[in-house]
Amino acid sequence: MKVPRRLFFYGTLTHEHTNTLTATLLPRLGGRPRRGWVRGALFLRRDRQGVYPVLLPGSGRVEGWVYGGIRPIPRAVLAAFDAWESCDPRRPERGEYRRVPLVVHTRSGPLRAAAYLPNRQAPLGLRAVPGGDFAAHAAAHGLRIFTE
């Protein structure tokens, strides 16, 4: 799989949330984050450690951030994100998530970026996130965010 130049994050891996990956790896992606959205449906998944979003196919808008830009993402940084998402690019069918290219709509026009999507059928008990904005929804409802 080709090393992407940009990543699209729509949940716990944005600068809007603090965890080990956002603090150490987002700055290494280069450039300034750009607001964007993709076609899809966003759902909330609860875990003992907090909540996190799941992006599924759909016709709505899912809000997020594009990171990176001109240069390919450093392999060590990409490997850390892949590990966090339980993504194995060499055997994509085995991981919990897969890294896929998407078109992200931004103010300056559409961009190609990779995003992590679930590899399996959505688990039961997911709740839709109205408006497709995880950070806004979590803040409005005082939800505890999954961080590690």
C-alpha atoms as a PDB file:
ATOM      1  CA  MET A   1       0.000   0.000   0.000  1.00  0.00           C
ATOM      2  CA  LYS A   2       1.272   3.450  -0.907  1.00  0.00           C
ATOM      3  CA  VAL A   3       2.276   5.717   1.985  1.00  0.00           C
ATOM      4  CA  PRO A   4      -0.343   8.495   2.178  1.00  0.00           C
ATOM      5  CA  ARG A   5       0.510  12.176   2.352  1.00  0.00           C
ATOM      6  CA  ARG A   6      -2.543  13.014   4.434  1.00  0.00           C
ATOM      7  CA  LEU A   7      -4.672  11.413   7.139  1.00  0.00           C
ATOM      8  CA  PHE A   8      -8.273  12.271   7.946  1.00  0.00           C
ATOM      9  CA  PHE A   9      -9.235  11.864  11.601  1.00  0.00           C
ATOM     10  CA  TYR A  10     -12.801  12.250  12.811  1.00  0.00           C
ATOM     11  CA  GLY A  11     -12.595  11.265  16.481  1.00  0.00           C
ATOM     12  CA  THR A  12     -10.174  10.696  19.321  1.00  0.00           C
ATOM     13  CA  LEU A  13      -7.039  11.240  17.202  1.00  0.00           C
ATOM     14  CA  THR A  14      -7.606  14.935  16.507  1.00  0.00           C
ATOM     15  CA  HIS A  15      -5.958  17.857  18.269  1.00  0.00           C
ATOM     16  CA  GLU A  16      -9.332  18.417  19.965  1.00  0.00           C
ATOM     17  CA  HIS A  17      -8.544  15.507  22.334  1.00  0.00           C
ATOM     18  CA  THR A  18      -5.464  14.807  24.401  1.00  0.00           C
ATOM     19  CA  ASN A  19      -3.812  11.399  24.384  1.00  0.00           C
ATOM     20  CA  THR A  20      -0.349  10.014  23.758  1.00  0.00           C
ATOM     21  CA  LEU A  21      -0.766   9.855  19.991  1.00  0.00           C
ATOM     22  CA  THR A  22      -2.209  13.309  19.523  1.00  0.00           C
ATOM     23  CA  ALA A  23       0.490  14.883  21.689  1.00  0.00           C
ATOM     24  CA  THR A  24       3.460  13.108  20.124  1.00  0.00           C
ATOM     25  CA  LEU A  25       2.473  12.169  16.571  1.00  0.00           C
ATOM     26  CA  LEU A  26       0.152  14.845  15.183  1.00  0.00           C
ATOM     27  CA  PRO A  27       2.965  17.453  15.176  1.00  0.00           C
ATOM     28  CA  ARG A  28       5.100  15.063  13.110  1.00  0.00           C
ATOM     29  CA  LEU A  29       2.527  14.968  10.286  1.00  0.00           C
ATOM     30  CA  GLY A  30       3.493  18.440   9.092  1.00  0.00           C
ATOM     31  CA  GLY A  31       1.417  21.400   8.058  1.00  0.00           C
ATOM     32  CA  ARG A  32      -1.568  22.834   9.846  1.00  0.00           C
ATOM     33  CA  PRO A  33      -4.702  20.771  10.345  1.00  0.00           C
ATOM     34  CA  ARG A  34      -7.528  21.609   7.957  1.00  0.00           C
ATOM     35  CA  ARG A  35     -11.186  21.207   8.723  1.00  0.00           C
ATOM     36  CA  GLY A  36     -12.963  18.870   6.341  1.00  0.00           C
ATOM     37  CA  TRP A  37     -15.735  16.365   5.939  1.00  0.00           C
ATOM     38  CA  VAL A  38     -16.365  13.067   4.201  1.00  0.00           C
ATOM     39  CA  ARG A  39     -19.512  11.267   3.095  1.00  0.00           C
ATOM     40  CA  GLY A  40     -20.622   8.699   5.642  1.00  0.00           C
ATOM     41  CA  ALA A  41     -22.443   8.096   8.876  1.00  0.00           C
ATOM     42  CA  LEU A  42     -20.887   8.547  12.306  1.00  0.00           C
ATOM     43  CA  PHE A  43     -21.754   6.369  15.257  1.00  0.00           C
ATOM     44  CA  LEU A  44     -20.739   6.355  18.902  1.00  0.00           C
ATOM     45  CA  ARG A  45     -19.296   3.265  20.502  1.00  0.00           C
ATOM     46  CA  ARG A  46     -19.054   2.884  24.254  1.00  0.00           C
ATOM     47  CA  ASP A  47     -16.140   1.162  25.940  1.00  0.00           C
ATOM     48  CA  ARG A  48     -15.251   0.762  29.612  1.00  0.00           C
ATOM     49  CA  GLN A  49     -12.609   3.460  29.094  1.00  0.00           C
ATOM     50  CA  GLY A  50     -14.874   5.945  27.320  1.00  0.00           C
ATOM     51  CA  VAL A  51     -16.528   6.593  23.989  1.00  0.00           C
ATOM     52  CA  TYR A  52     -15.113   6.744  20.478  1.00  0.00           C
ATOM     53  CA  PRO A  53     -16.601   7.195  16.999  1.00  0.00           C
ATOM     54  CA  VAL A  54     -17.017   4.716  14.172  1.00  0.00           C
ATOM     55  CA  LEU A  55     -17.263   5.940  10.572  1.00  0.00           C
ATOM     56  CA  LEU A  56     -19.489   3.807   8.360  1.00  0.00           C
ATOM     57  CA  PRO A  57     -20.729   4.177   4.784  1.00  0.00           C
ATOM     58  CA  GLY A  58     -23.642   6.551   4.472  1.00  0.00           C
ATOM     59  CA  SER A  59     -24.948   9.637   2.733  1.00  0.00           C
ATOM     60  CA  GLY A  60     -24.418  12.159   5.539  1.00  0.00           C
ATOM     61  CA  ARG A  61     -21.479  14.389   6.438  1.00  0.00           C
ATOM     62  CA  VAL A  62     -18.833  13.342   8.920  1.00  0.00           C
ATOM     63  CA  GLU A  63     -16.737  16.230  10.189  1.00  0.00           C
ATOM     64  CA  GLY A  64     -13.046  15.922  10.980  1.00  0.00           C
ATOM     65  CA  TRP A  65      -9.531  17.163  10.336  1.00  0.00           C
ATOM     66  CA  VAL A  66      -6.961  16.575   7.597  1.00  0.00           C
ATOM     67  CA  TYR A  67      -3.343  16.296   8.753  1.00  0.00           C
ATOM     68  CA  GLY A  68      -0.212  16.171   6.634  1.00  0.00           C
ATOM     69  CA  GLY A  69       0.345  17.552   3.182  1.00  0.00           C
ATOM     70  CA  ILE A  70       3.257  17.761   0.821  1.00  0.00           C
ATOM     71  CA  ARG A  71       5.481  14.879   1.956  1.00  0.00           C
ATOM     72  CA  PRO A  72       4.463  11.273   2.609  1.00  0.00           C
ATOM     73  CA  ILE A  73       3.726  10.591   6.246  1.00  0.00           C
ATOM     74  CA  PRO A  74       6.816   9.208   8.025  1.00  0.00           C
ATOM     75  CA  ARG A  75       6.615   5.411   8.127  1.00  0.00           C
ATOM     76  CA  ALA A  76       7.219   5.259  11.899  1.00  0.00           C
ATOM     77  CA  VAL A  77       4.352   7.693  12.501  1.00  0.00           C
ATOM     78  CA  LEU A  78       2.046   5.765  10.183  1.00  0.00           C
ATOM     79  CA  ALA A  79       3.023   2.489  11.891  1.00  0.00           C
ATOM     80  CA  ALA A  80       2.095   3.974  15.292  1.00  0.00           C
ATOM     81  CA  PHE A  81      -1.350   5.044  14.021  1.00  0.00           C
ATOM     82  CA  ASP A  82      -1.830   1.646  12.363  1.00  0.00           C
ATOM     83  CA  ALA A  83      -0.997  -0.106  15.649  1.00  0.00           C
ATOM     84  CA  TRP A  84      -3.422   2.116  17.592  1.00  0.00           C
ATOM     85  CA  GLU A  85      -6.184   1.287  15.104  1.00  0.00           C
ATOM     86  CA  SER A  86      -5.306  -2.437  14.949  1.00  0.00           C
ATOM     87  CA  CYS A  87      -4.647  -2.033  11.231  1.00  0.00           C
ATOM     88  CA  ASP A  88      -2.338  -4.378   9.340  1.00  0.00           C
ATOM     89  CA  PRO A  89      -1.738  -2.877   5.882  1.00  0.00           C
ATOM     90  CA  ARG A  90      -0.009  -6.060   4.690  1.00  0.00           C
ATOM     91  CA  ARG A  91      -3.072  -8.150   5.598  1.00  0.00           C
ATOM     92  CA  PRO A  92      -5.941  -5.642   5.753  1.00  0.00           C
ATOM     93  CA  GLU A  93      -8.638  -8.285   6.253  1.00  0.00           C
ATOM     94  CA  ARG A  94      -7.130  -9.333   9.607  1.00  0.00           C
ATOM     95  CA  GLY A  95      -7.177  -6.007  11.408  1.00  0.00           C
ATOM     96  CA  GLU A  96     -10.004  -4.378  13.321  1.00  0.00           C
ATOM     97  CA  TYR A  97      -9.645  -1.363  11.030  1.00  0.00           C
ATOM     98  CA  ARG A  98      -8.276  -0.763   7.547  1.00  0.00           C
ATOM     99  CA  ARG A  99      -6.686   2.375   6.169  1.00  0.00           C
ATOM    100  CA  VAL A 100      -8.530   3.496   3.041  1.00  0.00           C
ATOM    101  CA  PRO A 101      -8.259   6.502   0.706  1.00  0.00           C
ATOM    102  CA  LEU A 102     -11.169   8.936   0.820  1.00  0.00           C
ATOM    103  CA  VAL A 103     -12.076  12.264  -0.709  1.00  0.00           C
ATOM    104  CA  VAL A 104     -12.178  14.933   1.988  1.00  0.00           C
ATOM    105  CA  HIS A 105     -14.069  18.125   1.225  1.00  0.00           C
ATOM    106  CA  THR A 106     -12.362  21.294   2.505  1.00  0.00           C
ATOM    107  CA  ARG A 107     -12.842  25.024   1.991  1.00  0.00           C
ATOM    108  CA  SER A 108     -10.022  24.989  -0.550  1.00  0.00           C
ATOM    109  CA  GLY A 109     -11.485  22.043  -2.455  1.00  0.00           C
ATOM    110  CA  PRO A 110     -11.426  18.250  -2.320  1.00  0.00           C
ATOM    111  CA  LEU A 111      -8.317  16.409  -1.080  1.00  0.00           C
ATOM    112  CA  ARG A 112      -7.308  12.762  -1.042  1.00  0.00           C
ATOM    113  CA  ALA A 113      -6.522  11.448   2.442  1.00  0.00           C
ATOM    114  CA  ALA A 114      -6.452   8.090   4.176  1.00  0.00           C
ATOM    115  CA  ALA A 115      -8.840   7.296   7.020  1.00  0.00           C
ATOM    116  CA  TYR A 116      -9.387   4.329   9.305  1.00  0.00           C
ATOM    117  CA  LEU A 117     -12.650   2.471   8.740  1.00  0.00           C
ATOM    118  CA  PRO A 118     -13.906  -0.652  10.505  1.00  0.00           C
ATOM    119  CA  ASN A 119     -12.989  -3.880   8.802  1.00  0.00           C
ATOM    120  CA  ARG A 120     -15.973  -5.828  10.037  1.00  0.00           C
ATOM    121  CA  GLN A 121     -19.684  -5.409  10.290  1.00  0.00           C
ATOM    122  CA  ALA A 122     -20.678  -2.750  12.793  1.00  0.00           C
ATOM    123  CA  PRO A 123     -21.286  -4.110  16.289  1.00  0.00           C
ATOM    124  CA  LEU A 124     -24.707  -3.843  17.872  1.00  0.00           C
ATOM    125  CA  GLY A 125     -25.419  -0.973  20.209  1.00  0.00           C
ATOM    126  CA  LEU A 126     -23.944   1.856  18.170  1.00  0.00           C
ATOM    127  CA  ARG A 127     -25.692   5.205  18.448  1.00  0.00           C
ATOM    128  CA  ALA A 128     -25.807   7.733  15.646  1.00  0.00           C
ATOM    129  CA  VAL A 129     -23.958  11.018  16.178  1.00  0.00           C
ATOM    130  CA  PRO A 130     -26.333  13.746  14.964  1.00  0.00           C
ATOM    131  CA  GLY A 131     -24.533  16.220  12.713  1.00  0.00           C
ATOM    132  CA  GLY A 132     -21.557  13.887  12.255  1.00  0.00           C
ATOM    133  CA  ASP A 133     -19.239  15.881  14.554  1.00  0.00           C
ATOM    134  CA  PHE A 134     -17.792  13.689  17.316  1.00  0.00           C
ATOM    135  CA  ALA A 135     -15.980  16.446  19.244  1.00  0.00           C
ATOM    136  CA  ALA A 136     -19.039  18.720  19.328  1.00  0.00           C
ATOM    137  CA  HIS A 137     -21.331  15.854  20.318  1.00  0.00           C
ATOM    138  CA  ALA A 138     -19.008  14.634  23.085  1.00  0.00           C
ATOM    139  CA  ALA A 139     -18.576  18.147  24.484  1.00  0.00           C
ATOM    140  CA  ALA A 140     -22.310  18.919  24.378  1.00  0.00           C
ATOM    141  CA  HIS A 141     -23.128  15.727  26.272  1.00  0.00           C
ATOM    142  CA  GLY A 142     -20.162  15.672  28.661  1.00  0.00           C
ATOM    143  CA  LEU A 143     -18.984  12.289  27.414  1.00  0.00           C
ATOM    144  CA  ARG A 144     -15.781  10.679  28.643  1.00  0.00           C
ATOM    145  CA  ILE A 145     -13.515  10.153  25.621  1.00  0.00           C
ATOM    146  CA  PHE A 146     -11.546   6.945  25.097  1.00  0.00           C
ATOM    147  CA  THR A 147      -7.905   8.010  25.308  1.00  0.00           C
ATOM    148  CA  GLU A 148      -5.722   4.894  25.689  1.00  0.00           C
END
